[in-house]
mmCIF file of all heavy atoms, coordinates in Angstrom:
data_MODEL
# 
_entry.id   MODEL 
# 
loop_
_atom_site.group_PDB 
_atom_site.id 
_atom_site.type_symbol 
_atom_site.label_atom_id 
_atom_site.label_alt_id 
_atom_site.label_comp_id 
_atom_site.label_asym_id 
_atom_site.label_entity_id 
_atom_site.label_seq_id 
_atom_site.pdbx_PDB_ins_code 
_atom_site.Cartn_x 
_atom_site.Cartn_y 
_atom_site.Cartn_z 
_atom_site.occupancy 
_atom_site.B_iso_or_equiv 
_atom_site.pdbx_formal_charge 
_atom_site.auth_seq_id 
_atom_site.auth_comp_id 
_atom_site.auth_asym_id 
_atom_site.auth_atom_id 
_atom_site.pdbx_PDB_model_num 
ATOM 1   N N   . SER A 1 1  ? 4.547  -20.794 -99.605 1.00 0.00 ? 1  SER A N   1 
ATOM 2   C CA  . SER A 1 1  ? 4.877  -20.814 -98.185 1.00 0.00 ? 1  SER A CA  1 
ATOM 3   C C   . SER A 1 1  ? 4.448  -22.151 -97.604 1.00 0.00 ? 1  SER A C   1 
ATOM 4   O O   . SER A 1 1  ? 3.643  -22.880 -98.194 1.00 0.00 ? 1  SER A O   1 
ATOM 5   C CB  . SER A 1 1  ? 4.173  -19.654 -97.468 1.00 0.00 ? 1  SER A CB  1 
ATOM 6   O OG  . SER A 1 1  ? 4.612  -19.564 -96.131 1.00 0.00 ? 1  SER A OG  1 
ATOM 7   N N   . TRP A 1 2  ? 5.004  -22.466 -96.454 1.00 0.00 ? 2  TRP A N   1 
ATOM 8   C CA  . TRP A 1 2  ? 4.672  -23.703 -95.763 1.00 0.00 ? 2  TRP A CA  1 
ATOM 9   C C   . TRP A 1 2  ? 3.764  -23.394 -94.580 1.00 0.00 ? 2  TRP A C   1 
ATOM 10  O O   . TRP A 1 2  ? 3.884  -22.342 -93.939 1.00 0.00 ? 2  TRP A O   1 
ATOM 11  C CB  . TRP A 1 2  ? 5.936  -24.409 -95.274 1.00 0.00 ? 2  TRP A CB  1 
ATOM 12  C CG  . TRP A 1 2  ? 6.643  -25.174 -96.339 1.00 0.00 ? 2  TRP A CG  1 
ATOM 13  C CD1 . TRP A 1 2  ? 6.630  -26.516 -96.522 1.00 0.00 ? 2  TRP A CD1 1 
ATOM 14  C CD2 . TRP A 1 2  ? 7.483  -24.647 -97.363 1.00 0.00 ? 2  TRP A CD2 1 
ATOM 15  N NE1 . TRP A 1 2  ? 7.395  -26.869 -97.612 1.00 0.00 ? 2  TRP A NE1 1 
ATOM 16  C CE2 . TRP A 1 2  ? 7.936  -25.738 -98.154 1.00 0.00 ? 2  TRP A CE2 1 
ATOM 17  C CE3 . TRP A 1 2  ? 7.884  -23.359 -97.717 1.00 0.00 ? 2  TRP A CE3 1 
ATOM 18  C CZ2 . TRP A 1 2  ? 8.771  -25.579 -99.243 1.00 0.00 ? 2  TRP A CZ2 1 
ATOM 19  C CZ3 . TRP A 1 2  ? 8.705  -23.193 -98.824 1.00 0.00 ? 2  TRP A CZ3 1 
ATOM 20  C CH2 . TRP A 1 2  ? 9.144  -24.297 -99.566 1.00 0.00 ? 2  TRP A CH2 1 
ATOM 21  N N   . ASP A 1 3  ? 2.868  -24.306 -94.315 1.00 0.00 ? 3  ASP A N   1 
ATOM 22  C CA  . ASP A 1 3  ? 1.917  -24.138 -93.223 1.00 0.00 ? 3  ASP A CA  1 
ATOM 23  C C   . ASP A 1 3  ? 2.056  -25.327 -92.279 1.00 0.00 ? 3  ASP A C   1 
ATOM 24  O O   . ASP A 1 3  ? 2.501  -26.414 -92.675 1.00 0.00 ? 3  ASP A O   1 
ATOM 25  C CB  . ASP A 1 3  ? 0.493  -24.054 -93.781 1.00 0.00 ? 3  ASP A CB  1 
ATOM 26  C CG  . ASP A 1 3  ? -0.536 -23.759 -92.715 1.00 0.00 ? 3  ASP A CG  1 
ATOM 27  O OD1 . ASP A 1 3  ? -0.574 -22.613 -92.239 1.00 0.00 ? 3  ASP A OD1 1 
ATOM 28  O OD2 . ASP A 1 3  ? -1.295 -24.677 -92.350 1.00 0.00 ? 3  ASP A OD2 1 
ATOM 29  N N   . ILE A 1 4  ? 1.659  -25.132 -91.039 1.00 0.00 ? 4  ILE A N   1 
ATOM 30  C CA  . ILE A 1 4  ? 1.750  -26.208 -90.053 1.00 0.00 ? 4  ILE A CA  1 
ATOM 31  C C   . ILE A 1 4  ? 0.941  -27.429 -90.473 1.00 0.00 ? 4  ILE A C   1 
ATOM 32  O O   . ILE A 1 4  ? 1.275  -28.568 -90.143 1.00 0.00 ? 4  ILE A O   1 
ATOM 33  C CB  . ILE A 1 4  ? 1.276  -25.689 -88.661 1.00 0.00 ? 4  ILE A CB  1 
ATOM 34  C CG1 . ILE A 1 4  ? 1.569  -26.724 -87.574 1.00 0.00 ? 4  ILE A CG1 1 
ATOM 35  C CG2 . ILE A 1 4  ? -0.196 -25.323 -88.698 1.00 0.00 ? 4  ILE A CG2 1 
ATOM 36  C CD1 . ILE A 1 4  ? 3.025  -26.990 -87.343 1.00 0.00 ? 4  ILE A CD1 1 
ATOM 37  N N   . SER A 1 5  ? -0.130 -27.185 -91.258 1.00 0.00 ? 5  SER A N   1 
ATOM 38  C CA  . SER A 1 5  ? -0.957 -28.303 -91.719 1.00 0.00 ? 5  SER A CA  1 
ATOM 39  C C   . SER A 1 5  ? -0.178 -29.219 -92.655 1.00 0.00 ? 5  SER A C   1 
ATOM 40  O O   . SER A 1 5  ? -0.461 -30.418 -92.739 1.00 0.00 ? 5  SER A O   1 
ATOM 41  C CB  . SER A 1 5  ? -2.212 -27.785 -92.418 1.00 0.00 ? 5  SER A CB  1 
ATOM 42  O OG  . SER A 1 5  ? -1.874 -27.024 -93.568 1.00 0.00 ? 5  SER A OG  1 
ATOM 43  N N   . PHE A 1 6  ? 0.817  -28.681 -93.378 1.00 0.00 ? 6  PHE A N   1 
ATOM 44  C CA  . PHE A 1 6  ? 1.626  -29.507 -94.271 1.00 0.00 ? 6  PHE A CA  1 
ATOM 45  C C   . PHE A 1 6  ? 2.394  -30.554 -93.467 1.00 0.00 ? 6  PHE A C   1 
ATOM 46  O O   . PHE A 1 6  ? 2.446  -31.739 -93.832 1.00 0.00 ? 6  PHE A O   1 
ATOM 47  C CB  . PHE A 1 6  ? 2.616  -28.650 -95.057 1.00 0.00 ? 6  PHE A CB  1 
ATOM 48  C CG  . PHE A 1 6  ? 1.990  -27.615 -95.946 1.00 0.00 ? 6  PHE A CG  1 
ATOM 49  C CD1 . PHE A 1 6  ? 2.780  -26.747 -96.683 1.00 0.00 ? 6  PHE A CD1 1 
ATOM 50  C CD2 . PHE A 1 6  ? 0.616  -27.496 -96.054 1.00 0.00 ? 6  PHE A CD2 1 
ATOM 51  C CE1 . PHE A 1 6  ? 2.225  -25.792 -97.503 1.00 0.00 ? 6  PHE A CE1 1 
ATOM 52  C CE2 . PHE A 1 6  ? 0.039  -26.541 -96.875 1.00 0.00 ? 6  PHE A CE2 1 
ATOM 53  C CZ  . PHE A 1 6  ? 0.847  -25.688 -97.595 1.00 0.00 ? 6  PHE A CZ  1 
ATOM 54  N N   . PHE A 1 7  ? 2.987  -30.113 -92.369 1.00 0.00 ? 7  PHE A N   1 
ATOM 55  C CA  . PHE A 1 7  ? 3.746  -31.034 -91.531 1.00 0.00 ? 7  PHE A CA  1 
ATOM 56  C C   . PHE A 1 7  ? 2.803  -32.010 -90.827 1.00 0.00 ? 7  PHE A C   1 
ATOM 57  O O   . PHE A 1 7  ? 3.173  -33.159 -90.577 1.00 0.00 ? 7  PHE A O   1 
ATOM 58  C CB  . PHE A 1 7  ? 4.561  -30.244 -90.507 1.00 0.00 ? 7  PHE A CB  1 
ATOM 59  C CG  . PHE A 1 7  ? 5.577  -29.322 -91.128 1.00 0.00 ? 7  PHE A CG  1 
ATOM 60  C CD1 . PHE A 1 7  ? 5.272  -27.993 -91.384 1.00 0.00 ? 7  PHE A CD1 1 
ATOM 61  C CD2 . PHE A 1 7  ? 6.830  -29.796 -91.491 1.00 0.00 ? 7  PHE A CD2 1 
ATOM 62  C CE1 . PHE A 1 7  ? 6.194  -27.144 -91.967 1.00 0.00 ? 7  PHE A CE1 1 
ATOM 63  C CE2 . PHE A 1 7  ? 7.770  -28.956 -92.075 1.00 0.00 ? 7  PHE A CE2 1 
ATOM 64  C CZ  . PHE A 1 7  ? 7.448  -27.626 -92.321 1.00 0.00 ? 7  PHE A CZ  1 
ATOM 65  N N   . ALA A 1 8  ? 1.583  -31.542 -90.536 1.00 0.00 ? 8  ALA A N   1 
ATOM 66  C CA  . ALA A 1 8  ? 0.599  -32.425 -89.906 1.00 0.00 ? 8  ALA A CA  1 
ATOM 67  C C   . ALA A 1 8  ? 0.204  -33.550 -90.854 1.00 0.00 ? 8  ALA A C   1 
ATOM 68  O O   . ALA A 1 8  ? 0.074  -34.710 -90.445 1.00 0.00 ? 8  ALA A O   1 
ATOM 69  C CB  . ALA A 1 8  ? -0.632 -31.621 -89.486 1.00 0.00 ? 8  ALA A CB  1 
ATOM 70  N N   . VAL A 1 9  ? 0.001  -33.226 -92.136 1.00 0.00 ? 9  VAL A N   1 
ATOM 71  C CA  . VAL A 1 9  ? -0.356 -34.242 -93.126 1.00 0.00 ? 9  VAL A CA  1 
ATOM 72  C C   . VAL A 1 9  ? 0.791  -35.226 -93.318 1.00 0.00 ? 9  VAL A C   1 
ATOM 73  O O   . VAL A 1 9  ? 0.576  -36.449 -93.372 1.00 0.00 ? 9  VAL A O   1 
ATOM 74  C CB  . VAL A 1 9  ? -0.730 -33.572 -94.468 1.00 0.00 ? 9  VAL A CB  1 
ATOM 75  C CG1 . VAL A 1 9  ? -0.830 -34.612 -95.577 1.00 0.00 ? 9  VAL A CG1 1 
ATOM 76  C CG2 . VAL A 1 9  ? -2.053 -32.829 -94.337 1.00 0.00 ? 9  VAL A CG2 1 
ATOM 77  N N   . ALA A 1 10 ? 2.017  -34.698 -93.435 1.00 0.00 ? 10 ALA A N   1 
ATOM 78  C CA  . ALA A 1 10 ? 3.177  -35.582 -93.568 1.00 0.00 ? 10 ALA A CA  1 
ATOM 79  C C   . ALA A 1 10 ? 3.309  -36.483 -92.339 1.00 0.00 ? 10 ALA A C   1 
ATOM 80  O O   . ALA A 1 10 ? 3.565  -37.693 -92.454 1.00 0.00 ? 10 ALA A O   1 
ATOM 81  C CB  . ALA A 1 10 ? 4.444  -34.752 -93.756 1.00 0.00 ? 10 ALA A CB  1 
ATOM 82  N N   . GLY A 1 11 ? 3.119  -35.878 -91.146 1.00 0.00 ? 11 GLY A N   1 
ATOM 83  C CA  . GLY A 1 11 ? 3.179  -36.673 -89.920 1.00 0.00 ? 11 GLY A CA  1 
ATOM 84  C C   . GLY A 1 11 ? 2.085  -37.723 -89.867 1.00 0.00 ? 11 GLY A C   1 
ATOM 85  O O   . GLY A 1 11 ? 2.305  -38.848 -89.388 1.00 0.00 ? 11 GLY A O   1 
ATOM 86  N N   . LEU A 1 12 ? 0.905  -37.380 -90.370 1.00 0.00 ? 12 LEU A N   1 
ATOM 87  C CA  . LEU A 1 12 ? -0.215 -38.333 -90.387 1.00 0.00 ? 12 LEU A CA  1 
ATOM 88  C C   . LEU A 1 12 ? 0.115  -39.536 -91.257 1.00 0.00 ? 12 LEU A C   1 
ATOM 89  O O   . LEU A 1 12 ? -0.212 -40.684 -90.897 1.00 0.00 ? 12 LEU A O   1 
ATOM 90  C CB  . LEU A 1 12 ? -1.473 -37.632 -90.911 1.00 0.00 ? 12 LEU A CB  1 
ATOM 91  C CG  . LEU A 1 12 ? -2.749 -38.474 -90.981 1.00 0.00 ? 12 LEU A CG  1 
ATOM 92  C CD1 . LEU A 1 12 ? -3.172 -38.931 -89.591 1.00 0.00 ? 12 LEU A CD1 1 
ATOM 93  C CD2 . LEU A 1 12 ? -3.873 -37.676 -91.652 1.00 0.00 ? 12 LEU A CD2 1 
ATOM 94  N N   . MET A 1 13 ? 0.760  -39.291 -92.390 1.00 0.00 ? 13 MET A N   1 
ATOM 95  C CA  . MET A 1 13 ? 1.165  -40.387 -93.268 1.00 0.00 ? 13 MET A CA  1 
ATOM 96  C C   . MET A 1 13 ? 2.125  -41.338 -92.544 1.00 0.00 ? 13 MET A C   1 
ATOM 97  O O   . MET A 1 13 ? 1.966  -42.562 -92.574 1.00 0.00 ? 13 MET A O   1 
ATOM 98  C CB  . MET A 1 13 ? 1.849  -39.824 -94.524 1.00 0.00 ? 13 MET A CB  1 
ATOM 99  C CG  . MET A 1 13 ? 0.915  -39.144 -95.492 1.00 0.00 ? 13 MET A CG  1 
ATOM 100 S SD  . MET A 1 13 ? -0.116 -40.334 -96.366 1.00 0.00 ? 13 MET A SD  1 
ATOM 101 C CE  . MET A 1 13 ? -1.025 -39.225 -97.443 1.00 0.00 ? 13 MET A CE  1 
ATOM 102 N N   . VAL A 1 14 ? 3.119  -40.752 -91.891 1.00 0.00 ? 14 VAL A N   1 
ATOM 103 C CA  . VAL A 1 14 ? 4.135  -41.566 -91.218 1.00 0.00 ? 14 VAL A CA  1 
ATOM 104 C C   . VAL A 1 14 ? 3.527  -42.305 -90.032 1.00 0.00 ? 14 VAL A C   1 
ATOM 105 O O   . VAL A 1 14 ? 3.727  -43.517 -89.864 1.00 0.00 ? 14 VAL A O   1 
ATOM 106 C CB  . VAL A 1 14 ? 5.316  -40.683 -90.766 1.00 0.00 ? 14 VAL A CB  1 
ATOM 107 C CG1 . VAL A 1 14 ? 6.326  -41.511 -89.977 1.00 0.00 ? 14 VAL A CG1 1 
ATOM 108 C CG2 . VAL A 1 14 ? 5.981  -40.016 -91.963 1.00 0.00 ? 14 VAL A CG2 1 
ATOM 109 N N   . VAL A 1 15 ? 2.787  -41.579 -89.198 1.00 0.00 ? 15 VAL A N   1 
ATOM 110 C CA  . VAL A 1 15 ? 2.194  -42.195 -88.002 1.00 0.00 ? 15 VAL A CA  1 
ATOM 111 C C   . VAL A 1 15 ? 1.228  -43.307 -88.386 1.00 0.00 ? 15 VAL A C   1 
ATOM 112 O O   . VAL A 1 15 ? 1.215  -44.381 -87.765 1.00 0.00 ? 15 VAL A O   1 
ATOM 113 C CB  . VAL A 1 15 ? 1.483  -41.121 -87.148 1.00 0.00 ? 15 VAL A CB  1 
ATOM 114 C CG1 . VAL A 1 15 ? 0.663  -41.774 -86.046 1.00 0.00 ? 15 VAL A CG1 1 
ATOM 115 C CG2 . VAL A 1 15 ? 2.497  -40.155 -86.548 1.00 0.00 ? 15 VAL A CG2 1 
ATOM 116 N N   . SER A 1 16 ? 0.408  -43.070 -89.412 1.00 0.00 ? 16 SER A N   1 
ATOM 117 C CA  . SER A 1 16 ? -0.562 -44.081 -89.835 1.00 0.00 ? 16 SER A CA  1 
ATOM 118 C C   . SER A 1 16 ? 0.146  -45.327 -90.347 1.00 0.00 ? 16 SER A C   1 
ATOM 119 O O   . SER A 1 16 ? -0.265 -46.461 -90.051 1.00 0.00 ? 16 SER A O   1 
ATOM 120 C CB  . SER A 1 16 ? -1.473 -43.516 -90.926 1.00 0.00 ? 16 SER A CB  1 
ATOM 121 O OG  . SER A 1 16 ? -2.205 -42.420 -90.447 1.00 0.00 ? 16 SER A OG  1 
ATOM 122 N N   . SER A 1 17 ? 1.200  -45.118 -91.115 1.00 0.00 ? 17 SER A N   1 
ATOM 123 C CA  . SER A 1 17 ? 1.950  -46.256 -91.646 1.00 0.00 ? 17 SER A CA  1 
ATOM 124 C C   . SER A 1 17 ? 2.594  -47.063 -90.520 1.00 0.00 ? 17 SER A C   1 
ATOM 125 O O   . SER A 1 17 ? 2.540  -48.302 -90.507 1.00 0.00 ? 17 SER A O   1 
ATOM 126 C CB  . SER A 1 17 ? 3.020  -45.759 -92.616 1.00 0.00 ? 17 SER A CB  1 
ATOM 127 O OG  . SER A 1 17 ? 3.767  -46.825 -93.133 1.00 0.00 ? 17 SER A OG  1 
ATOM 128 N N   . VAL A 1 18 ? 3.193  -46.346 -89.566 1.00 0.00 ? 18 VAL A N   1 
ATOM 129 C CA  . VAL A 1 18 ? 3.836  -47.030 -88.437 1.00 0.00 ? 18 VAL A CA  1 
ATOM 130 C C   . VAL A 1 18 ? 2.796  -47.720 -87.565 1.00 0.00 ? 18 VAL A C   1 
ATOM 131 O O   . VAL A 1 18 ? 2.992  -48.854 -87.114 1.00 0.00 ? 18 VAL A O   1 
ATOM 132 C CB  . VAL A 1 18 ? 4.657  -46.023 -87.610 1.00 0.00 ? 18 VAL A CB  1 
ATOM 133 C CG1 . VAL A 1 18 ? 5.155  -46.664 -86.317 1.00 0.00 ? 18 VAL A CG1 1 
ATOM 134 C CG2 . VAL A 1 18 ? 5.835  -45.504 -88.427 1.00 0.00 ? 18 VAL A CG2 1 
ATOM 135 N N   . LEU A 1 19 ? 1.679  -47.046 -87.328 1.00 0.00 ? 19 LEU A N   1 
ATOM 136 C CA  . LEU A 1 19 ? 0.638  -47.611 -86.466 1.00 0.00 ? 19 LEU A CA  1 
ATOM 137 C C   . LEU A 1 19 ? 0.049  -48.882 -87.057 1.00 0.00 ? 19 LEU A C   1 
ATOM 138 O O   . LEU A 1 19 ? -0.125 -49.883 -86.344 1.00 0.00 ? 19 LEU A O   1 
ATOM 139 C CB  . LEU A 1 19 ? -0.468 -46.570 -86.244 1.00 0.00 ? 19 LEU A CB  1 
ATOM 140 C CG  . LEU A 1 19 ? -1.611 -46.993 -85.304 1.00 0.00 ? 19 LEU A CG  1 
ATOM 141 C CD1 . LEU A 1 19 ? -1.061 -47.295 -83.908 1.00 0.00 ? 19 LEU A CD1 1 
ATOM 142 C CD2 . LEU A 1 19 ? -2.681 -45.905 -85.239 1.00 0.00 ? 19 LEU A CD2 1 
ATOM 143 N N   . ILE A 1 20 ? -0.288 -48.866 -88.352 1.00 0.00 ? 20 ILE A N   1 
ATOM 144 C CA  . ILE A 1 20 ? -0.869 -50.061 -88.965 1.00 0.00 ? 20 ILE A CA  1 
ATOM 145 C C   . ILE A 1 20 ? 0.173  -51.176 -89.037 1.00 0.00 ? 20 ILE A C   1 
ATOM 146 O O   . ILE A 1 20 ? -0.157 -52.362 -88.925 1.00 0.00 ? 20 ILE A O   1 
ATOM 147 C CB  . ILE A 1 20 ? -1.439 -49.742 -90.365 1.00 0.00 ? 20 ILE A CB  1 
ATOM 148 C CG1 . ILE A 1 20 ? -2.395 -50.847 -90.803 1.00 0.00 ? 20 ILE A CG1 1 
ATOM 149 C CG2 . ILE A 1 20 ? -0.347 -49.560 -91.393 1.00 0.00 ? 20 ILE A CG2 1 
ATOM 150 C CD1 . ILE A 1 20 ? -3.641 -50.965 -89.958 1.00 0.00 ? 20 ILE A CD1 1 
ATOM 151 N N   . SER A 1 21 ? 1.456  -50.793 -89.198 1.00 0.00 ? 21 SER A N   1 
ATOM 152 C CA  . SER A 1 21 ? 2.524  -51.807 -89.179 1.00 0.00 ? 21 SER A CA  1 
ATOM 153 C C   . SER A 1 21 ? 2.578  -52.469 -87.805 1.00 0.00 ? 21 SER A C   1 
ATOM 154 O O   . SER A 1 21 ? 2.705  -53.694 -87.698 1.00 0.00 ? 21 SER A O   1 
ATOM 155 C CB  . SER A 1 21 ? 3.875  -51.165 -89.509 1.00 0.00 ? 21 SER A CB  1 
ATOM 156 O OG  . SER A 1 21 ? 3.855  -50.570 -90.784 1.00 0.00 ? 21 SER A OG  1 
ATOM 157 N N   . TYR A 1 22 ? 2.485  -51.641 -86.770 1.00 0.00 ? 22 TYR A N   1 
ATOM 158 C CA  . TYR A 1 22 ? 2.534  -52.173 -85.409 1.00 0.00 ? 22 TYR A CA  1 
ATOM 159 C C   . TYR A 1 22 ? 1.362  -53.115 -85.136 1.00 0.00 ? 22 TYR A C   1 
ATOM 160 O O   . TYR A 1 22 ? 1.547  -54.219 -84.605 1.00 0.00 ? 22 TYR A O   1 
ATOM 161 C CB  . TYR A 1 22 ? 2.523  -51.021 -84.404 1.00 0.00 ? 22 TYR A CB  1 
ATOM 162 C CG  . TYR A 1 22 ? 2.447  -51.478 -82.961 1.00 0.00 ? 22 TYR A CG  1 
ATOM 163 C CD1 . TYR A 1 22 ? 3.579  -51.943 -82.309 1.00 0.00 ? 22 TYR A CD1 1 
ATOM 164 C CD2 . TYR A 1 22 ? 1.234  -51.468 -82.278 1.00 0.00 ? 22 TYR A CD2 1 
ATOM 165 C CE1 . TYR A 1 22 ? 3.510  -52.376 -80.995 1.00 0.00 ? 22 TYR A CE1 1 
ATOM 166 C CE2 . TYR A 1 22 ? 1.147  -51.897 -80.974 1.00 0.00 ? 22 TYR A CE2 1 
ATOM 167 C CZ  . TYR A 1 22 ? 2.290  -52.350 -80.330 1.00 0.00 ? 22 TYR A CZ  1 
ATOM 168 O OH  . TYR A 1 22 ? 2.213  -52.794 -79.031 1.00 0.00 ? 22 TYR A OH  1 
ATOM 169 N N   . ILE A 1 23 ? 0.161  -52.673 -85.512 1.00 0.00 ? 23 ILE A N   1 
ATOM 170 C CA  . ILE A 1 23 ? -1.031 -53.498 -85.261 1.00 0.00 ? 23 ILE A CA  1 
ATOM 171 C C   . ILE A 1 23 ? -0.925 -54.820 -86.011 1.00 0.00 ? 23 ILE A C   1 
ATOM 172 O O   . ILE A 1 23 ? -1.240 -55.894 -85.461 1.00 0.00 ? 23 ILE A O   1 
ATOM 173 C CB  . ILE A 1 23 ? -2.305 -52.736 -85.684 1.00 0.00 ? 23 ILE A CB  1 
ATOM 174 C CG1 . ILE A 1 23 ? -2.509 -51.519 -84.773 1.00 0.00 ? 23 ILE A CG1 1 
ATOM 175 C CG2 . ILE A 1 23 ? -3.523 -53.646 -85.626 1.00 0.00 ? 23 ILE A CG2 1 
ATOM 176 C CD1 . ILE A 1 23 ? -3.636 -50.608 -85.213 1.00 0.00 ? 23 ILE A CD1 1 
ATOM 177 N N   . SER A 1 24 ? -0.465 -54.768 -87.252 1.00 0.00 ? 24 SER A N   1 
ATOM 178 C CA  . SER A 1 24 ? -0.390 -55.977 -88.079 1.00 0.00 ? 24 SER A CA  1 
ATOM 179 C C   . SER A 1 24 ? 0.640  -56.962 -87.544 1.00 0.00 ? 24 SER A C   1 
ATOM 180 O O   . SER A 1 24 ? 0.366  -58.156 -87.384 1.00 0.00 ? 24 SER A O   1 
ATOM 181 C CB  . SER A 1 24 ? -0.054 -55.601 -89.525 1.00 0.00 ? 24 SER A CB  1 
ATOM 182 O OG  . SER A 1 24 ? -1.037 -54.752 -90.060 1.00 0.00 ? 24 SER A OG  1 
ATOM 183 N N   . VAL A 1 25 ? 1.847  -56.450 -87.262 1.00 0.00 ? 25 VAL A N   1 
ATOM 184 C CA  . VAL A 1 25 ? 2.907  -57.356 -86.823 1.00 0.00 ? 25 VAL A CA  1 
ATOM 185 C C   . VAL A 1 25 ? 2.681  -57.826 -85.393 1.00 0.00 ? 25 VAL A C   1 
ATOM 186 O O   . VAL A 1 25 ? 3.037  -58.957 -85.024 1.00 0.00 ? 25 VAL A O   1 
ATOM 187 C CB  . VAL A 1 25 ? 4.286  -56.685 -86.987 1.00 0.00 ? 25 VAL A CB  1 
ATOM 188 C CG1 . VAL A 1 25 ? 4.519  -55.606 -85.951 1.00 0.00 ? 25 VAL A CG1 1 
ATOM 189 C CG2 . VAL A 1 25 ? 5.407  -57.719 -86.918 1.00 0.00 ? 25 VAL A CG2 1 
ATOM 190 N N   . LYS A 1 26 ? 2.069  -56.985 -84.567 1.00 0.00 ? 26 LYS A N   1 
ATOM 191 C CA  . LYS A 1 26 ? 1.802  -57.367 -83.180 1.00 0.00 ? 26 LYS A CA  1 
ATOM 192 C C   . LYS A 1 26 ? 0.834  -58.539 -83.128 1.00 0.00 ? 26 LYS A C   1 
ATOM 193 O O   . LYS A 1 26 ? 0.996  -59.479 -82.336 1.00 0.00 ? 26 LYS A O   1 
ATOM 194 C CB  . LYS A 1 26 ? 1.204  -56.175 -82.426 1.00 0.00 ? 26 LYS A CB  1 
ATOM 195 C CG  . LYS A 1 26 ? 0.996  -56.419 -80.922 1.00 0.00 ? 26 LYS A CG  1 
ATOM 196 C CD  . LYS A 1 26 ? 2.316  -56.450 -80.193 1.00 0.00 ? 26 LYS A CD  1 
ATOM 197 C CE  . LYS A 1 26 ? 2.123  -56.339 -78.681 1.00 0.00 ? 26 LYS A CE  1 
ATOM 198 N NZ  . LYS A 1 26 ? 1.284  -57.381 -78.091 1.00 0.00 ? 26 LYS A NZ  1 
ATOM 199 N N   . GLY A 1 27 ? -0.196 -58.486 -83.998 1.00 0.00 ? 27 GLY A N   1 
ATOM 200 C CA  . GLY A 1 27 ? -1.174 -59.569 -84.014 1.00 0.00 ? 27 GLY A CA  1 
ATOM 201 C C   . GLY A 1 27 ? -0.548 -60.893 -84.399 1.00 0.00 ? 27 GLY A C   1 
ATOM 202 O O   . GLY A 1 27 ? -0.940 -61.951 -83.888 1.00 0.00 ? 27 GLY A O   1 
ATOM 203 N N   . ILE A 1 28 ? 0.440  -60.838 -85.316 1.00 0.00 ? 28 ILE A N   1 
ATOM 204 C CA  . ILE A 1 28 ? 1.096  -62.072 -85.749 1.00 0.00 ? 28 ILE A CA  1 
ATOM 205 C C   . ILE A 1 28 ? 2.128  -62.532 -84.723 1.00 0.00 ? 28 ILE A C   1 
ATOM 206 O O   . ILE A 1 28 ? 2.231  -63.721 -84.399 1.00 0.00 ? 28 ILE A O   1 
ATOM 207 C CB  . ILE A 1 28 ? 1.760  -61.861 -87.124 1.00 0.00 ? 28 ILE A CB  1 
ATOM 208 C CG1 . ILE A 1 28 ? 0.701  -61.501 -88.169 1.00 0.00 ? 28 ILE A CG1 1 
ATOM 209 C CG2 . ILE A 1 28 ? 2.526  -63.112 -87.555 1.00 0.00 ? 28 ILE A CG2 1 
ATOM 210 C CD1 . ILE A 1 28 ? 1.278  -61.120 -89.516 1.00 0.00 ? 28 ILE A CD1 1 
# 
């Protein structure tokens, strides 16, 4: 079965990747 925490972990991966991309490119 699927749990809400599964989508939270997947979302955390995506958000973290996008966030660090934003911080890195924004600084440059």
